[in-house]
């Protein structure tokens, strides 16, 4: 089973204007795979997903549109578009389109209609998401406790006390057995970031 976990940090020193946060994506062994700086919630500037270990896996995400209707274009380090992520309207229902502009997957909130209404009223993220390909579940995305082998910044006494009360968690994507090749993981990594920086109405978090 293959998994990726996303962690965020605020490292403003030396960053450009409109810097929001830095996000890092680790594989299940705890190795850093991608890192990106978010500026203006992914709209004010392109988002560069860097992979220092394998530069060929680095990619760029650029945005078109705002608020309820948004489209994000994913291009390889060589400038070749390999996917597009889009959504229209309210709620979490992202479509992933391939290079031929045909749908290859969706990221959806699998909760019941009643739960969706409640979640919308509370303006909070759903507890988990499903990656669907041809009506088949291929991966799950949800908040999970940070793995012990994941690097954490040193904490002072108060920080350690808070961590005991509320264990740190992060978005984690886990593929279903045998489904690791169903969708380009770069598209899902970008999708994880979008789930984090958008609120339930589709507007941007600032």
C-alpha atoms as a PDB file:
ATOM      1  CA  UNK A   1       0.000   0.000   0.000  1.00  0.00           C
ATOM      2  CA  UNK A   2       1.347   3.433  -0.960  1.00  0.00           C
ATOM      3  CA  UNK A   3       0.710   6.606   1.029  1.00  0.00           C
ATOM      4  CA  UNK A   4       1.693  10.288   1.085  1.00  0.00           C
ATOM      5  CA  UNK A   5       1.380  12.690   4.002  1.00  0.00           C
ATOM      6  CA  UNK A   6       1.242  16.493   3.749  1.00  0.00           C
ATOM      7  CA  UNK A   7       2.703  18.761   6.442  1.00  0.00           C
ATOM      8  CA  UNK A   8       2.672  22.533   6.552  1.00  0.00           C
ATOM      9  CA  UNK A   9       5.007  25.116   8.036  1.00  0.00           C
ATOM     10  CA  UNK A  10       5.291  28.899   8.161  1.00  0.00           C
ATOM     11  CA  UNK A  11       8.758  30.010   7.065  1.00  0.00           C
ATOM     12  CA  UNK A  12       8.396  33.619   5.977  1.00  0.00           C
ATOM     13  CA  UNK A  13      12.098  34.492   6.030  1.00  0.00           C
ATOM     14  CA  UNK A  14      13.361  35.101   2.512  1.00  0.00           C
ATOM     15  CA  UNK A  15       9.955  34.478   0.918  1.00  0.00           C
ATOM     16  CA  UNK A  16       8.322  36.701  -1.670  1.00  0.00           C
ATOM     17  CA  UNK A  17       5.293  38.928  -1.061  1.00  0.00           C
ATOM     18  CA  UNK A  18       1.929  37.205  -0.473  1.00  0.00           C
ATOM     19  CA  UNK A  19       3.640  34.125   0.992  1.00  0.00           C
ATOM     20  CA  UNK A  20       1.103  31.960   2.842  1.00  0.00           C
ATOM     21  CA  UNK A  21       2.733  28.689   3.866  1.00  0.00           C
ATOM     22  CA  UNK A  22       5.151  25.924   2.882  1.00  0.00           C
ATOM     23  CA  UNK A  23       3.822  22.421   2.351  1.00  0.00           C
ATOM     24  CA  UNK A  24       5.876  19.220   2.281  1.00  0.00           C
ATOM     25  CA  UNK A  25       4.763  15.815   1.058  1.00  0.00           C
ATOM     26  CA  UNK A  26       6.374  12.702   2.519  1.00  0.00           C
ATOM     27  CA  UNK A  27       6.034   9.105   1.384  1.00  0.00           C
ATOM     28  CA  UNK A  28       5.163   6.293   3.795  1.00  0.00           C
ATOM     29  CA  UNK A  29       8.850   5.753   4.586  1.00  0.00           C
ATOM     30  CA  UNK A  30       9.193   9.374   5.710  1.00  0.00           C
ATOM     31  CA  UNK A  31      11.199  10.548   2.675  1.00  0.00           C
ATOM     32  CA  UNK A  32      10.451  14.040   1.381  1.00  0.00           C
ATOM     33  CA  UNK A  33       8.993  13.792  -2.141  1.00  0.00           C
ATOM     34  CA  UNK A  34       7.644  17.266  -2.915  1.00  0.00           C
ATOM     35  CA  UNK A  35       7.822  20.703  -1.359  1.00  0.00           C
ATOM     36  CA  UNK A  36       5.971  23.865  -2.368  1.00  0.00           C
ATOM     37  CA  UNK A  37       5.464  27.443  -1.209  1.00  0.00           C
ATOM     38  CA  UNK A  38       1.918  28.784  -1.459  1.00  0.00           C
ATOM     39  CA  UNK A  39       1.409  32.430  -2.369  1.00  0.00           C
ATOM     40  CA  UNK A  40      -2.027  34.003  -2.050  1.00  0.00           C
ATOM     41  CA  UNK A  41      -3.741  30.598  -1.667  1.00  0.00           C
ATOM     42  CA  UNK A  42      -2.424  29.351  -5.039  1.00  0.00           C
ATOM     43  CA  UNK A  43      -3.911  32.145  -7.148  1.00  0.00           C
ATOM     44  CA  UNK A  44      -1.525  35.087  -7.013  1.00  0.00           C
ATOM     45  CA  UNK A  45       1.445  33.105  -8.333  1.00  0.00           C
ATOM     46  CA  UNK A  46       2.218  29.690  -9.850  1.00  0.00           C
ATOM     47  CA  UNK A  47       2.817  26.949  -7.290  1.00  0.00           C
ATOM     48  CA  UNK A  48       6.067  25.053  -7.822  1.00  0.00           C
ATOM     49  CA  UNK A  49       6.146  21.484  -6.487  1.00  0.00           C
ATOM     50  CA  UNK A  50       9.853  20.742  -6.114  1.00  0.00           C
ATOM     51  CA  UNK A  51      11.337  17.254  -5.993  1.00  0.00           C
ATOM     52  CA  UNK A  52      15.049  17.666  -5.325  1.00  0.00           C
ATOM     53  CA  UNK A  53      15.691  13.922  -5.341  1.00  0.00           C
ATOM     54  CA  UNK A  54      14.133  13.471  -8.774  1.00  0.00           C
ATOM     55  CA  UNK A  55      13.844  16.849 -10.568  1.00  0.00           C
ATOM     56  CA  UNK A  56      11.953  15.151 -13.394  1.00  0.00           C
ATOM     57  CA  UNK A  57       9.040  14.682 -10.975  1.00  0.00           C
ATOM     58  CA  UNK A  58       8.887  18.390 -10.154  1.00  0.00           C
ATOM     59  CA  UNK A  59       5.873  20.205 -11.597  1.00  0.00           C
ATOM     60  CA  UNK A  60       4.029  23.533 -11.646  1.00  0.00           C
ATOM     61  CA  UNK A  61       0.404  24.412 -10.898  1.00  0.00           C
ATOM     62  CA  UNK A  62      -1.156  27.583 -12.330  1.00  0.00           C
ATOM     63  CA  UNK A  63      -4.667  28.856 -11.680  1.00  0.00           C
ATOM     64  CA  UNK A  64      -7.480  30.305 -13.748  1.00  0.00           C
ATOM     65  CA  UNK A  65     -10.680  31.701 -12.246  1.00  0.00           C
ATOM     66  CA  UNK A  66     -11.622  32.581  -8.690  1.00  0.00           C
ATOM     67  CA  UNK A  67     -14.026  31.742  -5.897  1.00  0.00           C
ATOM     68  CA  UNK A  68     -16.688  29.170  -6.877  1.00  0.00           C
ATOM     69  CA  UNK A  69     -15.259  28.286 -10.291  1.00  0.00           C
ATOM     70  CA  UNK A  70     -11.592  27.381 -10.402  1.00  0.00           C
ATOM     71  CA  UNK A  71      -9.311  25.531 -12.801  1.00  0.00           C
ATOM     72  CA  UNK A  72      -5.737  24.494 -12.069  1.00  0.00           C
ATOM     73  CA  UNK A  73      -3.299  23.462 -14.792  1.00  0.00           C
ATOM     74  CA  UNK A  74      -0.497  21.016 -13.997  1.00  0.00           C
ATOM     75  CA  UNK A  75       2.658  21.108 -16.134  1.00  0.00           C
ATOM     76  CA  UNK A  76       5.748  18.946 -15.864  1.00  0.00           C
ATOM     77  CA  UNK A  77       9.218  20.349 -15.218  1.00  0.00           C
ATOM     78  CA  UNK A  78       9.651  20.311 -19.009  1.00  0.00           C
ATOM     79  CA  UNK A  79       6.532  22.421 -19.569  1.00  0.00           C
ATOM     80  CA  UNK A  80       4.268  19.588 -20.746  1.00  0.00           C
ATOM     81  CA  UNK A  81       0.698  19.698 -19.443  1.00  0.00           C
ATOM     82  CA  UNK A  82      -0.216  16.338 -17.926  1.00  0.00           C
ATOM     83  CA  UNK A  83      -3.415  17.145 -16.014  1.00  0.00           C
ATOM     84  CA  UNK A  84      -6.016  19.765 -15.128  1.00  0.00           C
ATOM     85  CA  UNK A  85      -8.030  19.998 -11.903  1.00  0.00           C
ATOM     86  CA  UNK A  86     -11.321  21.866 -11.930  1.00  0.00           C
ATOM     87  CA  UNK A  87     -14.432  22.526  -9.895  1.00  0.00           C
ATOM     88  CA  UNK A  88     -17.649  24.480 -10.436  1.00  0.00           C
ATOM     89  CA  UNK A  89     -20.014  25.447  -7.649  1.00  0.00           C
ATOM     90  CA  UNK A  90     -20.100  24.829  -3.919  1.00  0.00           C
ATOM     91  CA  UNK A  91     -18.606  21.884  -2.058  1.00  0.00           C
ATOM     92  CA  UNK A  92     -15.768  19.437  -2.535  1.00  0.00           C
ATOM     93  CA  UNK A  93     -16.035  17.746  -5.905  1.00  0.00           C
ATOM     94  CA  UNK A  94     -12.903  18.094  -7.974  1.00  0.00           C
ATOM     95  CA  UNK A  95     -12.489  16.668 -11.466  1.00  0.00           C
ATOM     96  CA  UNK A  96      -9.065  15.592 -12.698  1.00  0.00           C
ATOM     97  CA  UNK A  97      -8.671  15.737 -16.470  1.00  0.00           C
ATOM     98  CA  UNK A  98      -5.843  14.152 -18.435  1.00  0.00           C
ATOM     99  CA  UNK A  99      -3.708  15.679 -21.168  1.00  0.00           C
ATOM    100  CA  UNK A 100      -6.500  14.927 -23.666  1.00  0.00           C
ATOM    101  CA  UNK A 101      -8.964  16.901 -21.502  1.00  0.00           C
ATOM    102  CA  UNK A 102     -10.908  13.733 -20.656  1.00  0.00           C
ATOM    103  CA  UNK A 103     -11.893  13.003 -17.062  1.00  0.00           C
ATOM    104  CA  UNK A 104      -9.623  10.460 -15.399  1.00  0.00           C
ATOM    105  CA  UNK A 105     -10.635  10.790 -11.744  1.00  0.00           C
ATOM    106  CA  UNK A 106     -12.661  12.701  -9.160  1.00  0.00           C
ATOM    107  CA  UNK A 107     -11.977  13.738  -5.591  1.00  0.00           C
ATOM    108  CA  UNK A 108     -15.280  13.741  -3.722  1.00  0.00           C
ATOM    109  CA  UNK A 109     -16.724  13.980  -0.233  1.00  0.00           C
ATOM    110  CA  UNK A 110     -18.299  10.532   0.304  1.00  0.00           C
ATOM    111  CA  UNK A 111     -20.481  11.668   3.222  1.00  0.00           C
ATOM    112  CA  UNK A 112     -24.245  11.321   3.036  1.00  0.00           C
ATOM    113  CA  UNK A 113     -26.378  14.254   1.858  1.00  0.00           C
ATOM    114  CA  UNK A 114     -27.428  15.025   5.432  1.00  0.00           C
ATOM    115  CA  UNK A 115     -23.794  15.128   6.563  1.00  0.00           C
ATOM    116  CA  UNK A 116     -22.863  17.354   3.628  1.00  0.00           C
ATOM    117  CA  UNK A 117     -25.499  19.916   4.594  1.00  0.00           C
ATOM    118  CA  UNK A 118     -24.268  19.932   8.193  1.00  0.00           C
ATOM    119  CA  UNK A 119     -20.662  20.284   7.084  1.00  0.00           C
ATOM    120  CA  UNK A 120     -21.559  23.209   4.817  1.00  0.00           C
ATOM    121  CA  UNK A 121     -23.378  24.970   7.644  1.00  0.00           C
ATOM    122  CA  UNK A 122     -20.379  24.527   9.916  1.00  0.00           C
ATOM    123  CA  UNK A 123     -18.035  25.796   7.164  1.00  0.00           C
ATOM    124  CA  UNK A 124     -15.561  23.028   7.995  1.00  0.00           C
ATOM    125  CA  UNK A 125     -13.626  20.518   5.966  1.00  0.00           C
ATOM    126  CA  UNK A 126     -15.199  17.063   5.637  1.00  0.00           C
ATOM    127  CA  UNK A 127     -13.405  14.366   7.630  1.00  0.00           C
ATOM    128  CA  UNK A 128     -12.291  12.497   4.556  1.00  0.00           C
ATOM    129  CA  UNK A 129     -12.373  12.328   0.774  1.00  0.00           C
ATOM    130  CA  UNK A 130     -12.433   9.586  -1.836  1.00  0.00           C
ATOM    131  CA  UNK A 131     -10.545   9.400  -5.135  1.00  0.00           C
ATOM    132  CA  UNK A 132     -12.844   7.743  -7.677  1.00  0.00           C
ATOM    133  CA  UNK A 133     -11.912   6.334 -11.099  1.00  0.00           C
ATOM    134  CA  UNK A 134     -14.746   4.856 -13.191  1.00  0.00           C
ATOM    135  CA  UNK A 135     -16.904   4.583 -10.044  1.00  0.00           C
ATOM    136  CA  UNK A 136     -14.190   2.630  -8.265  1.00  0.00           C
ATOM    137  CA  UNK A 137     -12.430   3.755  -5.087  1.00  0.00           C
ATOM    138  CA  UNK A 138      -8.688   4.011  -5.738  1.00  0.00           C
ATOM    139  CA  UNK A 139      -7.464   6.147  -2.818  1.00  0.00           C
ATOM    140  CA  UNK A 140      -8.556   7.802   0.419  1.00  0.00           C
ATOM    141  CA  UNK A 141      -7.588  11.252   1.676  1.00  0.00           C
ATOM    142  CA  UNK A 142      -8.120  12.234   5.292  1.00  0.00           C
ATOM    143  CA  UNK A 143      -6.584  13.724   8.410  1.00  0.00           C
ATOM    144  CA  UNK A 144      -4.412  11.226  10.286  1.00  0.00           C
ATOM    145  CA  UNK A 145      -2.037  11.483  13.204  1.00  0.00           C
ATOM    146  CA  UNK A 146       1.487  12.332  12.142  1.00  0.00           C
ATOM    147  CA  UNK A 147       3.639   9.253  11.770  1.00  0.00           C
ATOM    148  CA  UNK A 148       6.399   8.884  14.345  1.00  0.00           C
ATOM    149  CA  UNK A 149       9.080   8.858  11.688  1.00  0.00           C
ATOM    150  CA  UNK A 150       7.884  12.156  10.198  1.00  0.00           C
ATOM    151  CA  UNK A 151      10.195  15.075  11.071  1.00  0.00           C
ATOM    152  CA  UNK A 152       8.759  17.593  13.523  1.00  0.00           C
ATOM    153  CA  UNK A 153      10.169  20.907  14.682  1.00  0.00           C
ATOM    154  CA  UNK A 154      11.446  20.968  18.294  1.00  0.00           C
ATOM    155  CA  UNK A 155       8.700  21.983  20.723  1.00  0.00           C
ATOM    156  CA  UNK A 156       8.957  23.996  23.931  1.00  0.00           C
ATOM    157  CA  UNK A 157       7.300  22.713  27.099  1.00  0.00           C
ATOM    158  CA  UNK A 158       3.964  24.304  26.285  1.00  0.00           C
ATOM    159  CA  UNK A 159       4.064  22.892  22.740  1.00  0.00           C
ATOM    160  CA  UNK A 160       4.801  19.396  24.044  1.00  0.00           C
ATOM    161  CA  UNK A 161       1.928  19.715  26.523  1.00  0.00           C
ATOM    162  CA  UNK A 162      -0.478  20.731  23.744  1.00  0.00           C
ATOM    163  CA  UNK A 163       0.685  17.817  21.568  1.00  0.00           C
ATOM    164  CA  UNK A 164      -0.152  15.393  24.372  1.00  0.00           C
ATOM    165  CA  UNK A 165      -3.663  16.828  24.577  1.00  0.00           C
ATOM    166  CA  UNK A 166      -4.164  17.159  20.814  1.00  0.00           C
ATOM    167  CA  UNK A 167      -1.843  14.882  18.799  1.00  0.00           C
ATOM    168  CA  UNK A 168      -0.688  16.610  15.571  1.00  0.00           C
ATOM    169  CA  UNK A 169      -2.367  15.411  12.400  1.00  0.00           C
ATOM    170  CA  UNK A 170      -1.987  15.987   8.675  1.00  0.00           C
ATOM    171  CA  UNK A 171      -3.702  15.160   5.411  1.00  0.00           C
ATOM    172  CA  UNK A 172      -2.714  11.660   4.322  1.00  0.00           C
ATOM    173  CA  UNK A 173      -3.498   9.962   1.011  1.00  0.00           C
ATOM    174  CA  UNK A 174      -3.505   6.175   0.923  1.00  0.00           C
ATOM    175  CA  UNK A 175      -3.981   4.142  -2.245  1.00  0.00           C
ATOM    176  CA  UNK A 176      -6.181   1.077  -2.179  1.00  0.00           C
ATOM    177  CA  UNK A 177      -4.229  -2.184  -2.758  1.00  0.00           C
ATOM    178  CA  UNK A 178      -3.224  -2.536  -6.405  1.00  0.00           C
ATOM    179  CA  UNK A 179      -4.416   0.971  -7.341  1.00  0.00           C
ATOM    180  CA  UNK A 180      -1.112   2.853  -7.085  1.00  0.00           C
ATOM    181  CA  UNK A 181      -0.923   3.376 -10.862  1.00  0.00           C
ATOM    182  CA  UNK A 182      -4.570   4.389 -11.329  1.00  0.00           C
ATOM    183  CA  UNK A 183      -3.852   8.146 -11.247  1.00  0.00           C
ATOM    184  CA  UNK A 184      -0.661  10.168 -11.621  1.00  0.00           C
ATOM    185  CA  UNK A 185       0.310  10.824  -7.979  1.00  0.00           C
ATOM    186  CA  UNK A 186       1.370  14.366  -8.878  1.00  0.00           C
ATOM    187  CA  UNK A 187      -2.253  15.225  -9.716  1.00  0.00           C
ATOM    188  CA  UNK A 188      -3.409  13.835  -6.367  1.00  0.00           C
ATOM    189  CA  UNK A 189      -0.657  15.673  -4.492  1.00  0.00           C
ATOM    190  CA  UNK A 190      -1.941  18.909  -6.063  1.00  0.00           C
ATOM    191  CA  UNK A 191      -5.481  17.862  -5.131  1.00  0.00           C
ATOM    192  CA  UNK A 192      -4.476  17.382  -1.495  1.00  0.00           C
ATOM    193  CA  UNK A 193      -3.115  20.911  -1.409  1.00  0.00           C
ATOM    194  CA  UNK A 194      -6.315  22.335  -2.899  1.00  0.00           C
ATOM    195  CA  UNK A 195      -8.397  20.547  -0.274  1.00  0.00           C
ATOM    196  CA  UNK A 196      -6.345  22.311   2.372  1.00  0.00           C
ATOM    197  CA  UNK A 197      -6.318  25.867   0.984  1.00  0.00           C
ATOM    198  CA  UNK A 198     -10.002  26.072  -0.029  1.00  0.00           C
ATOM    199  CA  UNK A 199     -12.914  26.297   2.353  1.00  0.00           C
ATOM    200  CA  UNK A 200     -16.251  24.510   1.939  1.00  0.00           C
ATOM    201  CA  UNK A 201     -17.833  27.238  -0.198  1.00  0.00           C
ATOM    202  CA  UNK A 202     -15.023  27.169  -2.732  1.00  0.00           C
ATOM    203  CA  UNK A 203     -13.674  30.555  -1.665  1.00  0.00           C
ATOM    204  CA  UNK A 204     -10.019  30.898  -0.834  1.00  0.00           C
ATOM    205  CA  UNK A 205      -8.567  30.900   2.647  1.00  0.00           C
ATOM    206  CA  UNK A 206      -6.504  33.987   3.381  1.00  0.00           C
END
